[in-house]
């Protein structure tokens, strides 16, 4: 509920487990929420190079593009997320 605390915890986990995809997504989400969108995108793009069907990363990447007003760029990420996790209500 406290964004600063969540960011601190996510960054700590990231230092301990830098290769964990779910931790990477949480760090990217915290950075995006803190206005560090370019950093979040870089982190997600790197993860998606090694795990191209990671639905949470695809969802967040699509959400970032949608929040930037880039719906056409968001749609392919969200479609890939939906294909990776059919029936996901979050996607």
Protein backbone atom coordinates (compact mmCIF):
# COMPACT_ATOMS: atom_id res chain seq x y z
CA UNK A 1 0.00 0.00 0.00
CA UNK A 2 3.02 2.26 0.46
CA UNK A 3 4.66 2.73 -2.95
CA UNK A 4 8.01 3.77 -1.50
CA UNK A 5 8.11 0.70 0.74
CA UNK A 6 7.10 -1.56 -2.16
CA UNK A 7 9.86 -0.07 -4.31
CA UNK A 8 12.43 -0.55 -1.55
CA UNK A 9 11.42 -4.19 -1.08
CA UNK A 10 11.37 -4.88 -4.82
CA UNK A 11 14.81 -3.34 -5.30
CA UNK A 12 16.14 -5.45 -2.41
CA UNK A 13 14.77 -8.62 -3.98
CA UNK A 14 16.22 -7.56 -7.32
CA UNK A 15 19.69 -7.34 -5.77
CA UNK A 16 19.28 -10.82 -4.26
CA UNK A 17 17.64 -12.51 -7.26
CA UNK A 18 18.39 -10.41 -10.35
CA UNK A 19 17.35 -13.19 -12.74
CA UNK A 20 13.90 -13.88 -11.28
CA UNK A 21 11.32 -12.79 -13.89
CA UNK A 22 8.62 -11.94 -11.37
CA UNK A 23 11.00 -9.79 -9.34
CA UNK A 24 12.11 -8.05 -12.52
CA UNK A 25 8.50 -7.21 -13.38
CA UNK A 26 7.87 -5.84 -9.88
CA UNK A 27 10.96 -3.63 -10.08
CA UNK A 28 9.89 -2.40 -13.51
CA UNK A 29 6.40 -1.66 -12.19
CA UNK A 30 7.78 0.31 -9.24
CA UNK A 31 10.06 2.30 -11.51
CA UNK A 32 7.21 3.02 -13.89
CA UNK A 33 4.99 4.21 -11.04
CA UNK A 34 7.83 6.44 -9.85
CA UNK A 35 7.99 8.13 -13.26
CA UNK A 36 11.12 6.26 -14.32
CA UNK A 37 9.33 4.84 -17.34
CA UNK A 38 12.36 4.57 -19.63
CA UNK A 39 14.15 2.46 -17.01
CA UNK A 40 11.08 0.26 -16.64
CA UNK A 41 10.87 -0.24 -20.39
CA UNK A 42 14.57 -1.14 -20.62
CA UNK A 43 14.21 -3.71 -17.84
CA UNK A 44 11.13 -5.26 -19.42
CA UNK A 45 12.60 -5.32 -22.91
CA UNK A 46 15.66 -7.14 -21.59
CA UNK A 47 13.47 -9.70 -19.82
CA UNK A 48 11.35 -10.18 -22.94
CA UNK A 49 14.47 -10.90 -24.99
CA UNK A 50 15.13 -13.94 -22.82
CA UNK A 51 11.51 -14.82 -21.94
CA UNK A 52 9.37 -13.58 -24.84
CA UNK A 53 6.17 -15.20 -23.57
CA UNK A 54 6.33 -13.94 -19.96
CA UNK A 55 2.76 -12.73 -19.58
CA UNK A 56 3.24 -10.36 -16.61
CA UNK A 57 6.11 -8.60 -18.42
CA UNK A 58 4.08 -8.37 -21.61
CA UNK A 59 1.08 -6.99 -19.71
CA UNK A 60 3.14 -4.33 -17.98
CA UNK A 61 4.94 -3.41 -21.19
CA UNK A 62 1.60 -3.00 -22.92
CA UNK A 63 0.17 -0.99 -20.03
CA UNK A 64 3.17 1.37 -20.12
CA UNK A 65 2.62 2.00 -23.83
CA UNK A 66 -1.11 2.55 -23.28
CA UNK A 67 -0.36 5.00 -20.46
CA UNK A 68 1.93 6.85 -22.85
CA UNK A 69 -1.01 7.18 -25.24
CA UNK A 70 0.53 4.68 -27.65
CA UNK A 71 -2.34 2.27 -28.07
CA UNK A 72 -1.08 0.88 -31.37
CA UNK A 73 2.24 -0.02 -29.70
CA UNK A 74 0.47 -1.44 -26.62
CA UNK A 75 -1.78 -3.82 -28.52
CA UNK A 76 0.89 -6.34 -29.70
CA UNK A 77 2.21 -6.70 -26.14
CA UNK A 78 -1.27 -7.23 -24.76
CA UNK A 79 -2.14 -9.74 -27.49
CA UNK A 80 1.02 -11.71 -26.71
CA UNK A 81 0.15 -11.61 -23.00
CA UNK A 82 -3.34 -12.92 -23.75
CA UNK A 83 -1.89 -15.71 -25.89
CA UNK A 84 0.59 -16.64 -23.16
CA UNK A 85 -2.13 -16.70 -20.47
CA UNK A 86 -5.46 -17.46 -22.10
CA UNK A 87 -8.36 -16.50 -19.88
CA UNK A 88 -6.34 -14.08 -17.75
CA UNK A 89 -8.74 -11.51 -16.39
CA UNK A 90 -5.88 -9.15 -15.66
CA UNK A 91 -4.80 -9.07 -19.30
